[in-house]
C-alpha atoms as a PDB file:
ATOM      1  CA  MET A   1      27.677  16.840 -10.717  1.00  0.00           C
ATOM      2  CA  THR A   2      29.927  19.696  -8.868  1.00  0.00           C
ATOM      3  CA  ASP A   3      29.014  21.142  -5.913  1.00  0.00           C
ATOM      4  CA  THR A   4      27.927  24.561  -7.652  1.00  0.00           C
ATOM      5  CA  MET A   5      25.772  22.546 -10.230  1.00  0.00           C
ATOM      6  CA  THR A   6      24.127  20.412  -7.269  1.00  0.00           C
ATOM      7  CA  LYS A   7      23.457  23.894  -5.545  1.00  0.00           C
ATOM      8  CA  ILE A   8      22.070  25.358  -8.753  1.00  0.00           C
ATOM      9  CA  ALA A   9      20.061  22.340  -9.709  1.00  0.00           C
ATOM     10  CA  ALA A  10      18.645  22.047  -6.071  1.00  0.00           C
ATOM     11  CA  GLY A  11      17.386  25.647  -6.366  1.00  0.00           C
ATOM     12  CA  LEU A  12      15.901  25.002  -9.715  1.00  0.00           C
ATOM     13  CA  GLU A  13      13.977  22.222  -8.789  1.00  0.00           C
ATOM     14  CA  ARG A  14      12.481  24.162  -5.626  1.00  0.00           C
ATOM     15  CA  ALA A  15      11.651  26.997  -7.758  1.00  0.00           C
ATOM     16  CA  PHE A  16       9.837  25.021 -10.611  1.00  0.00           C
ATOM     17  CA  ALA A  17       8.232  22.776  -7.850  1.00  0.00           C
ATOM     18  CA  ASN A  18       6.816  25.583  -6.007  1.00  0.00           C
ATOM     19  CA  ARG A  19       6.135  28.010  -9.101  1.00  0.00           C
ATOM     20  CA  GLY A  20       5.692  25.884 -12.077  1.00  0.00           C
ATOM     21  CA  PHE A  21       7.440  25.929 -15.066  1.00  0.00           C
ATOM     22  CA  ALA A  22       6.317  29.367 -16.964  1.00  0.00           C
ATOM     23  CA  GLU A  23       5.861  31.645 -13.861  1.00  0.00           C
ATOM     24  CA  PRO A  24       9.565  31.914 -12.484  1.00  0.00           C
ATOM     25  CA  SER A  25      11.598  34.518 -14.234  1.00  0.00           C
ATOM     26  CA  VAL A  26      15.064  34.030 -15.155  1.00  0.00           C
ATOM     27  CA  GLU A  27      16.067  36.282 -12.182  1.00  0.00           C
ATOM     28  CA  ASP A  28      13.726  34.005  -9.738  1.00  0.00           C
ATOM     29  CA  LEU A  29      15.527  31.166 -10.781  1.00  0.00           C
ATOM     30  CA  ARG A  30      18.864  32.843 -10.293  1.00  0.00           C
ATOM     31  CA  ASP A  31      17.774  33.912  -6.851  1.00  0.00           C
ATOM     32  CA  ALA A  32      16.541  30.366  -6.096  1.00  0.00           C
ATOM     33  CA  ALA A  33      19.828  28.711  -7.318  1.00  0.00           C
ATOM     34  CA  GLY A  34      21.712  31.320  -4.996  1.00  0.00           C
ATOM     35  CA  VAL A  35      24.079  32.275  -7.651  1.00  0.00           C
ATOM     36  CA  SER A  36      25.155  35.181 -10.107  1.00  0.00           C
ATOM     37  CA  MET A  37      23.359  35.384 -13.477  1.00  0.00           C
ATOM     38  CA  ARG A  38      26.724  34.650 -14.901  1.00  0.00           C
ATOM     39  CA  THR A  39      27.136  31.612 -13.019  1.00  0.00           C
ATOM     40  CA  LEU A  40      23.840  30.194 -13.683  1.00  0.00           C
ATOM     41  CA  TYR A  41      24.207  30.903 -17.436  1.00  0.00           C
ATOM     42  CA  LYS A  42      27.660  29.175 -17.214  1.00  0.00           C
ATOM     43  CA  TYR A  43      26.217  25.832 -15.924  1.00  0.00           C
ATOM     44  CA  ALA A  44      22.526  25.998 -17.516  1.00  0.00           C
ATOM     45  CA  PRO A  45      22.842  28.143 -20.536  1.00  0.00           C
ATOM     46  CA  SER A  46      19.355  28.099 -21.436  1.00  0.00           C
ATOM     47  CA  ARG A  47      16.238  27.851 -19.904  1.00  0.00           C
ATOM     48  CA  ALA A  48      15.439  24.482 -21.278  1.00  0.00           C
ATOM     49  CA  ASP A  49      18.795  23.339 -19.492  1.00  0.00           C
ATOM     50  CA  MET A  50      17.639  24.728 -16.194  1.00  0.00           C
ATOM     51  CA  VAL A  51      14.780  22.776 -16.503  1.00  0.00           C
ATOM     52  CA  LEU A  52      16.596  19.588 -17.353  1.00  0.00           C
ATOM     53  CA  ALA A  53      18.996  20.062 -14.342  1.00  0.00           C
ATOM     54  CA  ALA A  54      16.279  20.629 -11.959  1.00  0.00           C
ATOM     55  CA  LEU A  55      14.561  17.323 -13.341  1.00  0.00           C
ATOM     56  CA  GLU A  56      18.006  15.460 -12.982  1.00  0.00           C
ATOM     57  CA  HIS A  57      18.434  16.601  -9.608  1.00  0.00           C
ATOM     58  CA  ARG A  58      14.655  15.719  -8.651  1.00  0.00           C
ATOM     59  CA  HIS A  59      15.380  12.091  -9.930  1.00  0.00           C
ATOM     60  CA  GLY A  60      18.213  11.375  -7.751  1.00  0.00           C
ATOM     61  CA  ARG A  61      16.285  12.434  -4.976  1.00  0.00           C
ATOM     62  CA  TYR A  62      13.235  10.583  -5.907  1.00  0.00           C
ATOM     63  CA  LEU A  63      14.990   7.410  -6.427  1.00  0.00           C
ATOM     64  CA  SER A  64      17.347   7.972  -3.079  1.00  0.00           C
ATOM     65  CA  SER A  65      13.691   8.530  -1.203  1.00  0.00           C
ATOM     66  CA  LEU A  66      11.904   5.618  -2.512  1.00  0.00           C
ATOM     67  CA  PHE A  67      14.725   2.981  -2.638  1.00  0.00           C
ATOM     68  CA  ASP A  68      17.353   3.592  -0.129  1.00  0.00           C
ATOM     69  CA  GLU A  69      17.435   0.821   2.578  1.00  0.00           C
ATOM     70  CA  LEU A  70      14.167  -0.778   1.607  1.00  0.00           C
ATOM     71  CA  PRO A  71      13.619  -3.995   3.537  1.00  0.00           C
ATOM     72  CA  ASP A  72      15.090  -7.088   2.027  1.00  0.00           C
ATOM     73  CA  ALA A  73      11.577  -9.257   1.945  1.00  0.00           C
ATOM     74  CA  PRO A  74       9.759  -8.487  -1.167  1.00  0.00           C
ATOM     75  CA  GLU A  75       6.515  -8.263   0.222  1.00  0.00           C
ATOM     76  CA  ALA A  76       7.817  -5.581   3.117  1.00  0.00           C
ATOM     77  CA  ALA A  77       9.427  -3.528   0.076  1.00  0.00           C
ATOM     78  CA  LEU A  78       6.384  -3.426  -1.752  1.00  0.00           C
ATOM     79  CA  ASP A  79       4.468  -1.921   1.182  1.00  0.00           C
ATOM     80  CA  ALA A  80       7.351   0.564   2.217  1.00  0.00           C
ATOM     81  CA  LEU A  81       7.853   1.843  -1.256  1.00  0.00           C
ATOM     82  CA  LEU A  82       4.315   2.678  -1.601  1.00  0.00           C
ATOM     83  CA  GLU A  83       4.523   4.296   2.060  1.00  0.00           C
ATOM     84  CA  ARG A  84       7.384   6.406   0.615  1.00  0.00           C
ATOM     85  CA  VAL A  85       5.445   7.590  -2.488  1.00  0.00           C
ATOM     86  CA  GLY A  86       2.774   8.755   0.003  1.00  0.00           C
ATOM     87  CA  VAL A  87       5.559  10.565   2.093  1.00  0.00           C
ATOM     88  CA  TRP A  88       6.833  11.913  -0.792  1.00  0.00           C
ATOM     89  CA  MET A  89       3.736  13.441  -1.874  1.00  0.00           C
ATOM     90  CA  ALA A  90       3.059  14.937   1.427  1.00  0.00           C
ATOM     91  CA  THR A  91       6.371  16.585   1.958  1.00  0.00           C
ATOM     92  CA  GLU A  92       7.774  17.414  -1.496  1.00  0.00           C
ATOM     93  CA  THR A  93       5.149  17.675  -4.237  1.00  0.00           C
ATOM     94  CA  SER A  94       1.359  17.200  -3.330  1.00  0.00           C
ATOM     95  CA  HIS A  95       0.238  18.538  -6.377  1.00  0.00           C
ATOM     96  CA  GLY A  96       1.729  15.901  -8.729  1.00  0.00           C
ATOM     97  CA  CYS A  97       4.773  14.855 -10.602  1.00  0.00           C
ATOM     98  CA  LEU A  98       7.279  17.635 -11.706  1.00  0.00           C
ATOM     99  CA  PHE A  99       8.463  15.510 -14.738  1.00  0.00           C
ATOM    100  CA  HIS A 100       4.741  15.530 -16.093  1.00  0.00           C
ATOM    101  CA  GLY A 101       4.461  18.899 -15.185  1.00  0.00           C
ATOM    102  CA  ALA A 102       7.455  19.818 -17.176  1.00  0.00           C
ATOM    103  CA  VAL A 103       6.365  17.828 -20.392  1.00  0.00           C
ATOM    104  CA  ALA A 104       3.048  19.810 -20.122  1.00  0.00           C
ATOM    105  CA  ALA A 105       4.417  23.016 -19.933  1.00  0.00           C
ATOM    106  CA  GLU A 106       6.488  22.404 -23.051  1.00  0.00           C
ATOM    107  CA  PRO A 107       4.753  19.258 -24.977  1.00  0.00           C
ATOM    108  CA  GLY A 108       6.554  19.422 -27.950  1.00  0.00           C
ATOM    109  CA  SER A 109       9.873  19.018 -26.125  1.00  0.00           C
ATOM    110  CA  GLU A 110      11.282  15.630 -27.132  1.00  0.00           C
ATOM    111  CA  ARG A 111      14.217  16.168 -24.533  1.00  0.00           C
ATOM    112  CA  LEU A 112      11.536  16.755 -21.820  1.00  0.00           C
ATOM    113  CA  ARG A 113       9.562  13.495 -23.260  1.00  0.00           C
ATOM    114  CA  GLU A 114      13.020  11.165 -23.077  1.00  0.00           C
ATOM    115  CA  VAL A 115      13.775  12.455 -19.533  1.00  0.00           C
ATOM    116  CA  LEU A 116      10.124  11.644 -18.383  1.00  0.00           C
ATOM    117  CA  SER A 117      10.211   8.180 -20.093  1.00  0.00           C
ATOM    118  CA  ARG A 118      13.791   7.266 -18.731  1.00  0.00           C
ATOM    119  CA  HIS A 119      12.706   8.402 -15.131  1.00  0.00           C
ATOM    120  CA  LYS A 120       9.528   6.300 -15.103  1.00  0.00           C
ATOM    121  CA  ALA A 121      11.267   3.406 -16.846  1.00  0.00           C
ATOM    122  CA  GLU A 122      13.886   3.524 -14.145  1.00  0.00           C
ATOM    123  CA  VAL A 123      11.563   3.787 -11.033  1.00  0.00           C
ATOM    124  CA  ALA A 124       9.388   0.886 -12.547  1.00  0.00           C
ATOM    125  CA  ARG A 125      12.712  -1.286 -13.130  1.00  0.00           C
ATOM    126  CA  ARG A 126      13.971  -0.576  -9.619  1.00  0.00           C
ATOM    127  CA  ALA A 127      10.548  -1.238  -7.972  1.00  0.00           C
ATOM    128  CA  ALA A 128      10.152  -4.659  -9.717  1.00  0.00           C
ATOM    129  CA  ASP A 129      13.739  -5.606  -8.518  1.00  0.00           C
ATOM    130  CA  ALA A 130      13.120  -4.274  -5.137  1.00  0.00           C
ATOM    131  CA  THR A 131       9.700  -6.048  -4.656  1.00  0.00           C
ATOM    132  CA  GLY A 132      10.448  -9.424  -6.708  1.00  0.00           C
ATOM    133  CA  LEU A 133       8.232  -8.792  -9.425  1.00  0.00           C
ATOM    134  CA  ALA A 134      10.223  -8.688 -12.434  1.00  0.00           C
ATOM    135  CA  GLY A 135       8.280  -8.242 -15.278  1.00  0.00           C
ATOM    136  CA  ARG A 136       5.454  -6.584 -13.700  1.00  0.00           C
ATOM    137  CA  GLU A 137       7.100  -2.824 -14.400  1.00  0.00           C
ATOM    138  CA  THR A 138       4.034  -1.564 -15.944  1.00  0.00           C
ATOM    139  CA  GLU A 139       1.918  -2.638 -13.484  1.00  0.00           C
ATOM    140  CA  LEU A 140       3.851  -1.328 -10.757  1.00  0.00           C
ATOM    141  CA  LEU A 141       4.030   2.006 -12.626  1.00  0.00           C
ATOM    142  CA  VAL A 142       0.601   2.323 -12.815  1.00  0.00           C
ATOM    143  CA  ILE A 143      -0.220   1.896  -9.182  1.00  0.00           C
ATOM    144  CA  MET A 144       2.537   4.158  -8.360  1.00  0.00           C
ATOM    145  CA  GLU A 145       1.385   6.889 -10.607  1.00  0.00           C
ATOM    146  CA  GLY A 146      -2.194   6.010  -9.858  1.00  0.00           C
ATOM    147  CA  LEU A 147      -0.981   6.878  -6.298  1.00  0.00           C
ATOM    148  CA  THR A 148       0.638  10.102  -6.931  1.00  0.00           C
ATOM    149  CA  GLN A 149      -2.345  11.367  -8.972  1.00  0.00           C
ATOM    150  CA  ALA A 150      -4.935  10.063  -6.178  1.00  0.00           C
ATOM    151  CA  TRP A 151      -2.783  11.736  -3.329  1.00  0.00           C
ATOM    152  CA  ALA A 152      -4.083  15.077  -3.522  1.00  0.00           C
ATOM    153  CA  LEU A 153      -7.522  13.924  -2.901  1.00  0.00           C
ATOM    154  CA  HIS A 154      -7.420  10.691  -0.769  1.00  0.00           C
ATOM    155  CA  ARG A 155      -4.044  11.141   0.966  1.00  0.00           C
ATOM    156  CA  ASP A 156      -3.332   7.894   3.299  1.00  0.00           C
ATOM    157  CA  ALA A 157      -6.322   6.344   1.970  1.00  0.00           C
ATOM    158  CA  ALA A 158      -4.719   6.207  -1.475  1.00  0.00           C
ATOM    159  CA  VAL A 159      -1.782   4.722  -0.075  1.00  0.00           C
ATOM    160  CA  GLU A 160      -3.466   2.014   1.372  1.00  0.00           C
ATOM    161  CA  CYS A 161      -5.405   1.438  -1.791  1.00  0.00           C
ATOM    162  CA  ALA A 162      -2.293   1.230  -3.792  1.00  0.00           C
ATOM    163  CA  LYS A 163      -1.215  -1.396  -1.371  1.00  0.00           C
ATOM    164  CA  ARG A 164      -4.128  -3.394  -1.689  1.00  0.00           C
ATOM    165  CA  LEU A 165      -3.459  -3.510  -5.532  1.00  0.00           C
ATOM    166  CA  GLY A 166       0.147  -4.339  -4.821  1.00  0.00           C
ATOM    167  CA  THR A 167      -1.080  -7.402  -2.876  1.00  0.00           C
ATOM    168  CA  GLY A 168      -3.352  -8.169  -5.642  1.00  0.00           C
ATOM    169  CA  LEU A 169      -0.215  -8.096  -8.164  1.00  0.00           C
ATOM    170  CA  ARG A 170       1.598 -10.339  -6.118  1.00  0.00           C
ATOM    171  CA  LYS A 171      -1.236 -12.681  -6.096  1.00  0.00           C
ATOM    172  CA  LEU A 172      -1.441 -12.781  -9.737  1.00  0.00           C
ATOM    173  CA  ASP A 173       2.088 -14.313  -9.696  1.00  0.00           C
ATOM    174  CA  ALA A 174       1.550 -16.981  -6.959  1.00  0.00           C
END
């Protein structure tokens, strides 16, 4: 991704995260991206491309936030991973997953469903690899998704509950 595209994608991500997918006009999106309309359309020729660019940018940031420099010990990695989901929710998106929001805004879009599916599959795979729970990708994803949904109501208590569920999952494989 070029520097210009990264700048555009970051601005689009912020705009969609803050205002949803229906509200911002193309002019709002241009302003958020900090480029001219011509440059915006050069790099993202349609609103659908703008949404996809924002989600791709979000995907990279989310993976980095969750998985960079996790502890080597699988048990510690699981707790750290769930704590990082809580931090992400507190600092980035306390109202829920941007990927699910995009699909909800345009439920008929197969491209958005594919991006959502790919994002969640990669998160689950990397979580299983990092925590030594290979074969438990679905269970880990359910725990992490539950945490993101429960965060708005329960905040830190949701993180602690997710950690207990993770410990229980680990005991199933012991």
